Amino acid sequence: MSDNIIQLNKEIIKTELKDLVRSSVEETLNALLDKEADEIVNAEKYERSGERQGYRYGHYQRNLVTTSGEVKLNVPKLKGIPFETAIIECYRRRECSVEEALIEMYLAGVSVRRAEDITEALWGTKVSPGTISNLNKKAYEHIVTWRNRPLNGGNYPYVFVDGIFLKRCWGGEYENVSILIAIGVNEDGYREIIGASESMKEDRESWKNYLTELKSRCLKGVRLMIGDKNLGMLESIPQVFPDAKYRRCTVHFYRNFFRLLHVVA
């Protein structure tokens, strides 16, 4: 491994985030174009309605250059009525704030409320909950793909593992959910988030399942795992990665030490 201190490859992170935002912009704009076409026709696809103003017959493709890269728009074609979209100009006027909001959407867990705010900024009005639900599903597909990606970037000699508790809404009620995180350091000294998984708690079964999942995604070459003194973690690491040693995280150690020192004082 390099003699340099462990580094964070900011360029890779920026590139991945930019690609994520670009694909989100593309999917959001295409969903809004379809919704706008339905509003103009006054009927959804294949809907039989006496109030129908026209018919849809396919799409044509148009490229749009954004600050996150070029996106491909599937613009609806209408028969019997002109289709003049206002979405593209609305997007151009608000592009920077929209992309910031899209990033915030991911960091906030892609909530319906935030998705409504984003579409309102794009279109000037809020779209239906069904449309937002479809956008959320597409966004979540990107997250699932990232979480399940194979770790084929070489060995990770050092892996930092930890769990954090966040609030999540389940059926209208908020509960604590544990997010298990793994940050790997590769042989060149660069670190990256290699995994994140939801669990209701940090017990042995949760940690064992998570570490097994990482191993199934080709996490290899692990020589040392660093974490807090969580009992479930301590019991699971030797079972899943028997060749890896364990060391307590210095930050957690000092936090616990000063907390006890404060109590004694």
C-alpha atoms as a PDB file:
ATOM      1  CA  MET A   1       0.000   0.000   0.000  1.00  0.00           C
ATOM      2  CA  SER A   2       1.145   3.577  -0.599  1.00  0.00           C
ATOM      3  CA  ASP A   3       3.125   5.280   2.183  1.00  0.00           C
ATOM      4  CA  ASN A   4       0.790   8.285   1.967  1.00  0.00           C
ATOM      5  CA  ILE A   5      -1.960   8.820   4.486  1.00  0.00           C
ATOM      6  CA  ILE A   6      -5.312   7.252   3.615  1.00  0.00           C
ATOM      7  CA  GLN A   7      -6.955   9.492   1.042  1.00  0.00           C
ATOM      8  CA  LEU A   8     -10.457  10.204  -0.153  1.00  0.00           C
ATOM      9  CA  ASN A   9     -10.717  10.165  -3.946  1.00  0.00           C
ATOM     10  CA  LYS A  10     -12.909  13.220  -4.349  1.00  0.00           C
ATOM     11  CA  GLU A  11     -12.851  13.137  -8.150  1.00  0.00           C
ATOM     12  CA  ILE A  12     -14.385   9.639  -8.262  1.00  0.00           C
ATOM     13  CA  ILE A  13     -17.061  10.683  -5.773  1.00  0.00           C
ATOM     14  CA  LYS A  14     -17.852  13.827  -7.786  1.00  0.00           C
ATOM     15  CA  THR A  15     -18.104  11.789 -11.001  1.00  0.00           C
ATOM     16  CA  GLU A  16     -20.410   9.178  -9.449  1.00  0.00           C
ATOM     17  CA  LEU A  17     -22.618  11.854  -7.886  1.00  0.00           C
ATOM     18  CA  LYS A  18     -22.765  13.784 -11.154  1.00  0.00           C
ATOM     19  CA  ASP A  19     -23.815  10.630 -13.042  1.00  0.00           C
ATOM     20  CA  LEU A  20     -26.466   9.954 -10.409  1.00  0.00           C
ATOM     21  CA  VAL A  21     -27.861  13.478 -10.736  1.00  0.00           C
ATOM     22  CA  ARG A  22     -27.746  13.336 -14.556  1.00  0.00           C
ATOM     23  CA  SER A  23     -29.750  10.103 -14.655  1.00  0.00           C
ATOM     24  CA  SER A  24     -32.201  11.556 -12.125  1.00  0.00           C
ATOM     25  CA  VAL A  25     -32.659  14.688 -14.242  1.00  0.00           C
ATOM     26  CA  GLU A  26     -33.245  12.540 -17.335  1.00  0.00           C
ATOM     27  CA  GLU A  27     -35.824  10.280 -15.680  1.00  0.00           C
ATOM     28  CA  THR A  28     -37.607  13.173 -13.973  1.00  0.00           C
ATOM     29  CA  LEU A  29     -37.891  15.259 -17.144  1.00  0.00           C
ATOM     30  CA  ASN A  30     -39.139  12.299 -19.195  1.00  0.00           C
ATOM     31  CA  ALA A  31     -41.762  11.456 -16.569  1.00  0.00           C
ATOM     32  CA  LEU A  32     -42.908  15.077 -16.520  1.00  0.00           C
ATOM     33  CA  LEU A  33     -43.081  15.242 -20.329  1.00  0.00           C
ATOM     34  CA  ASP A  34     -45.353  12.188 -20.360  1.00  0.00           C
ATOM     35  CA  LYS A  35     -47.499  13.693 -17.629  1.00  0.00           C
ATOM     36  CA  GLU A  36     -47.744  16.992 -19.527  1.00  0.00           C
ATOM     37  CA  ALA A  37     -48.821  15.121 -22.678  1.00  0.00           C
ATOM     38  CA  ASP A  38     -51.549  13.336 -20.692  1.00  0.00           C
ATOM     39  CA  GLU A  39     -52.791  16.713 -19.417  1.00  0.00           C
ATOM     40  CA  ILE A  40     -52.933  18.172 -22.952  1.00  0.00           C
ATOM     41  CA  VAL A  41     -54.697  15.116 -24.397  1.00  0.00           C
ATOM     42  CA  ASN A  42     -56.964  15.103 -21.337  1.00  0.00           C
ATOM     43  CA  ALA A  43     -56.596  11.325 -21.004  1.00  0.00           C
ATOM     44  CA  GLU A  44     -53.946   8.869 -19.920  1.00  0.00           C
ATOM     45  CA  LYS A  45     -52.354   6.328 -22.253  1.00  0.00           C
ATOM     46  CA  TYR A  46     -54.926   3.922 -23.772  1.00  0.00           C
ATOM     47  CA  GLU A  47     -57.726   5.530 -21.733  1.00  0.00           C
ATOM     48  CA  ARG A  48     -61.142   5.634 -23.389  1.00  0.00           C
ATOM     49  CA  SER A  49     -62.676   9.039 -22.725  1.00  0.00           C
ATOM     50  CA  GLY A  50     -65.216  11.237 -24.452  1.00  0.00           C
ATOM     51  CA  GLU A  51     -63.242  14.274 -23.292  1.00  0.00           C
ATOM     52  CA  ARG A  52     -60.082  13.187 -25.084  1.00  0.00           C
ATOM     53  CA  GLN A  53     -58.550  16.058 -27.111  1.00  0.00           C
ATOM     54  CA  GLY A  54     -56.129  13.995 -29.182  1.00  0.00           C
ATOM     55  CA  TYR A  55     -54.029  10.846 -29.332  1.00  0.00           C
ATOM     56  CA  ARG A  56     -50.461   9.934 -28.545  1.00  0.00           C
ATOM     57  CA  TYR A  57     -48.393   8.035 -31.082  1.00  0.00           C
ATOM     58  CA  GLY A  58     -44.889   7.429 -29.860  1.00  0.00           C
ATOM     59  CA  HIS A  59     -41.960   9.696 -29.040  1.00  0.00           C
ATOM     60  CA  TYR A  60     -39.069  11.427 -30.713  1.00  0.00           C
ATOM     61  CA  GLN A  61     -35.696  11.796 -29.072  1.00  0.00           C
ATOM     62  CA  ARG A  62     -34.083  15.102 -28.237  1.00  0.00           C
ATOM     63  CA  ASN A  63     -30.769  15.775 -26.487  1.00  0.00           C
ATOM     64  CA  LEU A  64     -30.538  18.413 -23.774  1.00  0.00           C
ATOM     65  CA  VAL A  65     -27.234  19.646 -22.354  1.00  0.00           C
ATOM     66  CA  THR A  66     -27.315  20.203 -18.586  1.00  0.00           C
ATOM     67  CA  THR A  67     -24.630  21.089 -16.051  1.00  0.00           C
ATOM     68  CA  SER A  68     -24.457  17.388 -15.146  1.00  0.00           C
ATOM     69  CA  GLY A  69     -24.049  16.243 -18.749  1.00  0.00           C
ATOM     70  CA  GLU A  70     -26.175  15.490 -21.785  1.00  0.00           C
ATOM     71  CA  VAL A  71     -29.557  13.844 -21.189  1.00  0.00           C
ATOM     72  CA  LYS A  72     -31.835  12.135 -23.699  1.00  0.00           C
ATOM     73  CA  LEU A  73     -35.447  13.278 -23.705  1.00  0.00           C
ATOM     74  CA  ASN A  74     -38.267  11.154 -25.098  1.00  0.00           C
ATOM     75  CA  VAL A  75     -40.649  13.882 -26.251  1.00  0.00           C
ATOM     76  CA  PRO A  76     -44.243  12.636 -26.796  1.00  0.00           C
ATOM     77  CA  LYS A  77     -45.796  12.966 -30.252  1.00  0.00           C
ATOM     78  CA  LEU A  78     -49.483  13.856 -30.379  1.00  0.00           C
ATOM     79  CA  LYS A  79     -52.048  13.408 -33.151  1.00  0.00           C
ATOM     80  CA  GLY A  80     -54.794  15.949 -33.627  1.00  0.00           C
ATOM     81  CA  ILE A  81     -53.338  18.504 -31.233  1.00  0.00           C
ATOM     82  CA  PRO A  82     -49.983  20.340 -31.030  1.00  0.00           C
ATOM     83  CA  PHE A  83     -47.588  19.515 -28.189  1.00  0.00           C
ATOM     84  CA  GLU A  84     -45.719  22.581 -26.993  1.00  0.00           C
ATOM     85  CA  THR A  85     -43.922  21.763 -23.761  1.00  0.00           C
ATOM     86  CA  ALA A  86     -43.176  24.367 -21.125  1.00  0.00           C
ATOM     87  CA  ILE A  87     -41.082  21.979 -19.045  1.00  0.00           C
ATOM     88  CA  ILE A  88     -37.756  22.461 -20.840  1.00  0.00           C
ATOM     89  CA  GLU A  89     -37.755  26.242 -20.482  1.00  0.00           C
ATOM     90  CA  CYS A  90     -38.823  25.953 -16.840  1.00  0.00           C
ATOM     91  CA  TYR A  91     -35.941  23.565 -16.269  1.00  0.00           C
ATOM     92  CA  ARG A  92     -33.409  25.835 -18.009  1.00  0.00           C
ATOM     93  CA  ARG A  93     -34.411  28.779 -15.795  1.00  0.00           C
ATOM     94  CA  ARG A  94     -34.087  26.735 -12.607  1.00  0.00           C
ATOM     95  CA  GLU A  95     -31.389  24.215 -13.535  1.00  0.00           C
ATOM     96  CA  CYS A  96     -28.864  24.896 -10.759  1.00  0.00           C
ATOM     97  CA  SER A  97     -31.399  24.933  -7.931  1.00  0.00           C
ATOM     98  CA  VAL A  98     -33.093  21.809  -9.310  1.00  0.00           C
ATOM     99  CA  GLU A  99     -29.874  19.804  -9.378  1.00  0.00           C
ATOM    100  CA  GLU A 100     -29.060  20.875  -5.840  1.00  0.00           C
ATOM    101  CA  ALA A 101     -32.552  19.755  -4.843  1.00  0.00           C
ATOM    102  CA  LEU A 102     -32.060  16.393  -6.572  1.00  0.00           C
ATOM    103  CA  ILE A 103     -28.878  15.804  -4.578  1.00  0.00           C
ATOM    104  CA  GLU A 104     -30.734  16.803  -1.423  1.00  0.00           C
ATOM    105  CA  MET A 105     -33.522  14.402  -2.403  1.00  0.00           C
ATOM    106  CA  TYR A 106     -31.129  11.464  -2.302  1.00  0.00           C
ATOM    107  CA  LEU A 107     -29.528  12.579   0.935  1.00  0.00           C
ATOM    108  CA  ALA A 108     -32.993  12.989   2.486  1.00  0.00           C
ATOM    109  CA  GLY A 109     -34.141   9.511   1.438  1.00  0.00           C
ATOM    110  CA  VAL A 110     -36.198  10.534  -1.609  1.00  0.00           C
ATOM    111  CA  SER A 111     -39.233  11.612   0.384  1.00  0.00           C
ATOM    112  CA  VAL A 112     -42.526  12.340  -1.375  1.00  0.00           C
ATOM    113  CA  ARG A 113     -42.579  15.877  -0.005  1.00  0.00           C
ATOM    114  CA  ARG A 114     -39.152  16.682  -1.434  1.00  0.00           C
ATOM    115  CA  ALA A 115     -40.016  15.033  -4.747  1.00  0.00           C
ATOM    116  CA  GLU A 116     -43.109  17.260  -4.922  1.00  0.00           C
ATOM    117  CA  ASP A 117     -40.939  20.330  -4.295  1.00  0.00           C
ATOM    118  CA  ILE A 118     -38.544  19.289  -7.061  1.00  0.00           C
ATOM    119  CA  THR A 119     -41.265  18.702  -9.627  1.00  0.00           C
ATOM    120  CA  GLU A 120     -42.879  22.004  -8.674  1.00  0.00           C
ATOM    121  CA  ALA A 121     -39.550  23.740  -9.333  1.00  0.00           C
ATOM    122  CA  LEU A 122     -39.281  21.951 -12.685  1.00  0.00           C
ATOM    123  CA  TRP A 123     -42.830  22.340 -13.878  1.00  0.00           C
ATOM    124  CA  GLY A 124     -44.325  25.153 -11.854  1.00  0.00           C
ATOM    125  CA  THR A 125     -46.978  22.903 -10.279  1.00  0.00           C
ATOM    126  CA  LYS A 126     -47.016  19.708  -8.248  1.00  0.00           C
ATOM    127  CA  VAL A 127     -47.670  16.438 -10.068  1.00  0.00           C
ATOM    128  CA  SER A 128     -49.868  13.587  -8.878  1.00  0.00           C
ATOM    129  CA  PRO A 129     -48.767  11.243  -6.049  1.00  0.00           C
ATOM    130  CA  GLY A 130     -48.752   8.365  -8.572  1.00  0.00           C
ATOM    131  CA  THR A 131     -46.188  10.113 -10.744  1.00  0.00           C
ATOM    132  CA  ILE A 132     -44.046  10.901  -7.710  1.00  0.00           C
ATOM    133  CA  SER A 133     -44.291   7.279  -6.594  1.00  0.00           C
ATOM    134  CA  ASN A 134     -42.993   6.121  -9.982  1.00  0.00           C
ATOM    135  CA  LEU A 135     -40.108   8.601  -9.781  1.00  0.00           C
ATOM    136  CA  ASN A 136     -39.252   7.338  -6.305  1.00  0.00           C
ATOM    137  CA  LYS A 137     -39.232   3.748  -7.550  1.00  0.00           C
ATOM    138  CA  LYS A 138     -36.825   4.659 -10.342  1.00  0.00           C
ATOM    139  CA  ALA A 139     -34.591   6.537  -7.928  1.00  0.00           C
ATOM    140  CA  TYR A 140     -34.589   3.600  -5.540  1.00  0.00           C
ATOM    141  CA  GLU A 141     -33.541   1.302  -8.391  1.00  0.00           C
ATOM    142  CA  HIS A 142     -30.296   3.300  -8.648  1.00  0.00           C
ATOM    143  CA  ILE A 143     -29.732   2.937  -4.921  1.00  0.00           C
ATOM    144  CA  VAL A 144     -30.342  -0.823  -5.014  1.00  0.00           C
ATOM    145  CA  THR A 145     -27.956  -1.190  -7.967  1.00  0.00           C
ATOM    146  CA  TRP A 146     -25.254   0.709  -6.056  1.00  0.00           C
ATOM    147  CA  ARG A 147     -25.790  -1.311  -2.880  1.00  0.00           C
ATOM    148  CA  ASN A 148     -25.610  -4.642  -4.752  1.00  0.00           C
ATOM    149  CA  ARG A 149     -22.723  -3.794  -7.071  1.00  0.00           C
ATOM    150  CA  PRO A 150     -19.833  -6.323  -7.180  1.00  0.00           C
ATOM    151  CA  LEU A 151     -16.655  -5.112  -5.457  1.00  0.00           C
ATOM    152  CA  ASN A 152     -14.287  -5.919  -8.294  1.00  0.00           C
ATOM    153  CA  GLY A 153     -11.911  -3.008  -7.687  1.00  0.00           C
ATOM    154  CA  GLY A 154      -9.196  -5.145  -6.061  1.00  0.00           C
ATOM    155  CA  ASN A 155      -8.392  -5.942  -2.458  1.00  0.00           C
ATOM    156  CA  TYR A 156      -9.443  -3.869   0.545  1.00  0.00           C
ATOM    157  CA  PRO A 157      -6.831  -4.538   3.267  1.00  0.00           C
ATOM    158  CA  TYR A 158      -8.536  -2.206   5.749  1.00  0.00           C
ATOM    159  CA  VAL A 159     -12.276  -1.921   6.348  1.00  0.00           C
ATOM    160  CA  PHE A 160     -13.973   0.474   8.785  1.00  0.00           C
ATOM    161  CA  VAL A 161     -17.370  -0.759  10.003  1.00  0.00           C
ATOM    162  CA  ASP A 162     -19.928   1.061  12.101  1.00  0.00           C
ATOM    163  CA  GLY A 163     -23.647   1.450  12.643  1.00  0.00           C
ATOM    164  CA  ILE A 164     -25.677   4.635  12.983  1.00  0.00           C
ATOM    165  CA  PHE A 165     -29.314   5.039  14.000  1.00  0.00           C
ATOM    166  CA  LEU A 166     -31.665   7.195  11.927  1.00  0.00           C
ATOM    167  CA  LYS A 167     -35.380   7.936  12.086  1.00  0.00           C
ATOM    168  CA  ARG A 168     -37.550   6.303   9.446  1.00  0.00           C
ATOM    169  CA  CYS A 169     -41.288   6.469   8.858  1.00  0.00           C
ATOM    170  CA  TRP A 170     -43.060   3.105   8.919  1.00  0.00           C
ATOM    171  CA  GLY A 171     -46.815   3.299   8.295  1.00  0.00           C
ATOM    172  CA  GLY A 172     -46.999   6.860   9.591  1.00  0.00           C
ATOM    173  CA  GLU A 173     -44.924   6.139  12.712  1.00  0.00           C
ATOM    174  CA  TYR A 174     -41.261   7.025  13.152  1.00  0.00           C
ATOM    175  CA  GLU A 175     -38.886   4.368  14.459  1.00  0.00           C
ATOM    176  CA  ASN A 176     -35.140   4.074  14.892  1.00  0.00           C
ATOM    177  CA  VAL A 177     -33.450   2.136  12.091  1.00  0.00           C
ATOM    178  CA  SER A 178     -29.825   1.031  12.212  1.00  0.00           C
ATOM    179  CA  ILE A 179     -27.754   1.702   9.097  1.00  0.00           C
ATOM    180  CA  LEU A 180     -24.695  -0.563   8.916  1.00  0.00           C
ATOM    181  CA  ILE A 181     -21.841   1.094   7.015  1.00  0.00           C
ATOM    182  CA  ALA A 182     -18.576  -0.279   5.618  1.00  0.00           C
ATOM    183  CA  ILE A 183     -15.765   1.939   4.306  1.00  0.00           C
ATOM    184  CA  GLY A 184     -12.939   0.126   2.546  1.00  0.00           C
ATOM    185  CA  VAL A 185      -9.362   1.272   1.993  1.00  0.00           C
ATOM    186  CA  ASN A 186      -7.833  -0.184  -1.160  1.00  0.00           C
ATOM    187  CA  GLU A 187      -4.197  -1.062  -1.810  1.00  0.00           C
ATOM    188  CA  ASP A 188      -3.498   2.428  -3.201  1.00  0.00           C
ATOM    189  CA  GLY A 189      -4.613   4.049   0.049  1.00  0.00           C
ATOM    190  CA  TYR A 190      -7.935   5.404  -1.210  1.00  0.00           C
ATOM    191  CA  ARG A 191     -11.102   4.878   0.771  1.00  0.00           C
ATOM    192  CA  GLU A 192     -14.645   4.448  -0.500  1.00  0.00           C
ATOM    193  CA  ILE A 193     -18.028   3.504   0.892  1.00  0.00           C
ATOM    194  CA  ILE A 194     -18.367  -0.129  -0.141  1.00  0.00           C
ATOM    195  CA  GLY A 195     -21.691  -0.872   1.493  1.00  0.00           C
ATOM    196  CA  ALA A 196     -24.698   0.311   3.462  1.00  0.00           C
ATOM    197  CA  SER A 197     -27.560  -1.783   4.767  1.00  0.00           C
ATOM    198  CA  GLU A 198     -30.678  -1.239   6.878  1.00  0.00           C
ATOM    199  CA  SER A 199     -31.342  -3.233  10.022  1.00  0.00           C
ATOM    200  CA  MET A 200     -33.598  -2.794  13.022  1.00  0.00           C
ATOM    201  CA  LYS A 201     -30.689  -3.231  15.449  1.00  0.00           C
ATOM    202  CA  GLU A 202     -26.955  -3.944  15.736  1.00  0.00           C
ATOM    203  CA  ASP A 203     -27.083  -7.493  17.049  1.00  0.00           C
ATOM    204  CA  ARG A 204     -24.966 -10.470  16.029  1.00  0.00           C
ATOM    205  CA  GLU A 205     -27.442 -11.704  13.414  1.00  0.00           C
ATOM    206  CA  SER A 206     -27.618  -8.280  11.717  1.00  0.00           C
ATOM    207  CA  TRP A 207     -23.845  -7.904  11.575  1.00  0.00           C
ATOM    208  CA  LYS A 208     -23.324 -11.470  10.391  1.00  0.00           C
ATOM    209  CA  ASN A 209     -25.848 -11.049   7.577  1.00  0.00           C
ATOM    210  CA  TYR A 210     -24.296  -7.736   6.537  1.00  0.00           C
ATOM    211  CA  LEU A 211     -20.705  -9.011   6.533  1.00  0.00           C
ATOM    212  CA  THR A 212     -21.808 -12.119   4.622  1.00  0.00           C
ATOM    213  CA  GLU A 213     -23.456  -9.853   2.051  1.00  0.00           C
ATOM    214  CA  LEU A 214     -20.208  -7.896   1.646  1.00  0.00           C
ATOM    215  CA  LYS A 215     -18.280 -11.137   1.195  1.00  0.00           C
ATOM    216  CA  SER A 216     -20.760 -12.348  -1.442  1.00  0.00           C
ATOM    217  CA  ARG A 217     -20.098  -9.096  -3.338  1.00  0.00           C
ATOM    218  CA  CYS A 218     -16.416 -10.091  -3.577  1.00  0.00           C
ATOM    219  CA  LEU A 219     -14.999  -8.150  -0.639  1.00  0.00           C
ATOM    220  CA  LYS A 220     -11.561  -9.731  -0.356  1.00  0.00           C
ATOM    221  CA  GLY A 221      -8.029  -9.196   0.903  1.00  0.00           C
ATOM    222  CA  VAL A 222      -9.269  -7.906   4.281  1.00  0.00           C
ATOM    223  CA  ARG A 223      -6.430  -7.897   6.814  1.00  0.00           C
ATOM    224  CA  LEU A 224      -7.837  -5.546   9.444  1.00  0.00           C
ATOM    225  CA  MET A 225     -11.326  -4.406  10.428  1.00  0.00           C
ATOM    226  CA  ILE A 226     -11.776  -1.303  12.568  1.00  0.00           C
ATOM    227  CA  GLY A 227     -14.920  -0.525  14.529  1.00  0.00           C
ATOM    228  CA  ASP A 228     -16.435   0.229  17.912  1.00  0.00           C
ATOM    229  CA  LYS A 229     -16.724  -2.431  20.590  1.00  0.00           C
ATOM    230  CA  ASN A 230     -20.139  -3.632  19.490  1.00  0.00           C
ATOM    231  CA  LEU A 231     -20.590  -7.198  20.731  1.00  0.00           C
ATOM    232  CA  GLY A 232     -22.517  -8.356  17.651  1.00  0.00           C
ATOM    233  CA  MET A 233     -19.763  -7.021  15.400  1.00  0.00           C
ATOM    234  CA  LEU A 234     -16.997  -8.626  17.490  1.00  0.00           C
ATOM    235  CA  GLU A 235     -18.677 -12.035  17.335  1.00  0.00           C
ATOM    236  CA  SER A 236     -19.471 -11.858  13.603  1.00  0.00           C
ATOM    237  CA  ILE A 237     -16.133 -10.758  12.132  1.00  0.00           C
ATOM    238  CA  PRO A 238     -14.202 -13.986  12.967  1.00  0.00           C
ATOM    239  CA  GLN A 239     -17.048 -16.081  11.547  1.00  0.00           C
ATOM    240  CA  VAL A 240     -17.233 -14.328   8.204  1.00  0.00           C
ATOM    241  CA  PHE A 241     -13.635 -13.061   7.804  1.00  0.00           C
ATOM    242  CA  PRO A 242     -11.533 -15.493   9.877  1.00  0.00           C
ATOM    243  CA  ASP A 243      -8.216 -14.201   8.474  1.00  0.00           C
ATOM    244  CA  ALA A 244      -8.929 -10.571   9.378  1.00  0.00           C
ATOM    245  CA  LYS A 245      -7.781  -9.046  12.655  1.00  0.00           C
ATOM    246  CA  TYR A 246      -9.890  -6.569  14.600  1.00  0.00           C
ATOM    247  CA  ARG A 247      -8.885  -3.256  16.154  1.00  0.00           C
ATOM    248  CA  ARG A 248     -10.986  -0.876  18.142  1.00  0.00           C
ATOM    249  CA  CYS A 249     -11.548   2.519  16.523  1.00  0.00           C
ATOM    250  CA  THR A 250      -9.438   5.210  18.219  1.00  0.00           C
ATOM    251  CA  VAL A 251     -12.174   7.827  17.810  1.00  0.00           C
ATOM    252  CA  HIS A 252     -14.745   5.630  19.566  1.00  0.00           C
ATOM    253  CA  PHE A 253     -12.224   4.796  22.291  1.00  0.00           C
ATOM    254  CA  TYR A 254     -11.532   8.435  23.104  1.00  0.00           C
ATOM    255  CA  ARG A 255     -15.226   9.325  22.963  1.00  0.00           C
ATOM    256  CA  ASN A 256     -15.995   6.629  25.516  1.00  0.00           C
ATOM    257  CA  PHE A 257     -12.988   7.611  27.607  1.00  0.00           C
ATOM    258  CA  PHE A 258     -13.899  11.291  27.821  1.00  0.00           C
ATOM    259  CA  ARG A 259     -17.547  10.434  28.485  1.00  0.00           C
ATOM    260  CA  LEU A 260     -16.499   8.337  31.498  1.00  0.00           C
ATOM    261  CA  LEU A 261     -14.007  10.997  32.574  1.00  0.00           C
ATOM    262  CA  HIS A 262     -16.800  13.584  32.503  1.00  0.00           C
ATOM    263  CA  VAL A 263     -19.030  11.326  34.642  1.00  0.00           C
ATOM    264  CA  VAL A 264     -16.253  10.758  37.198  1.00  0.00           C
ATOM    265  CA  ALA A 265     -15.425  14.473  37.341  1.00  0.00           C
END
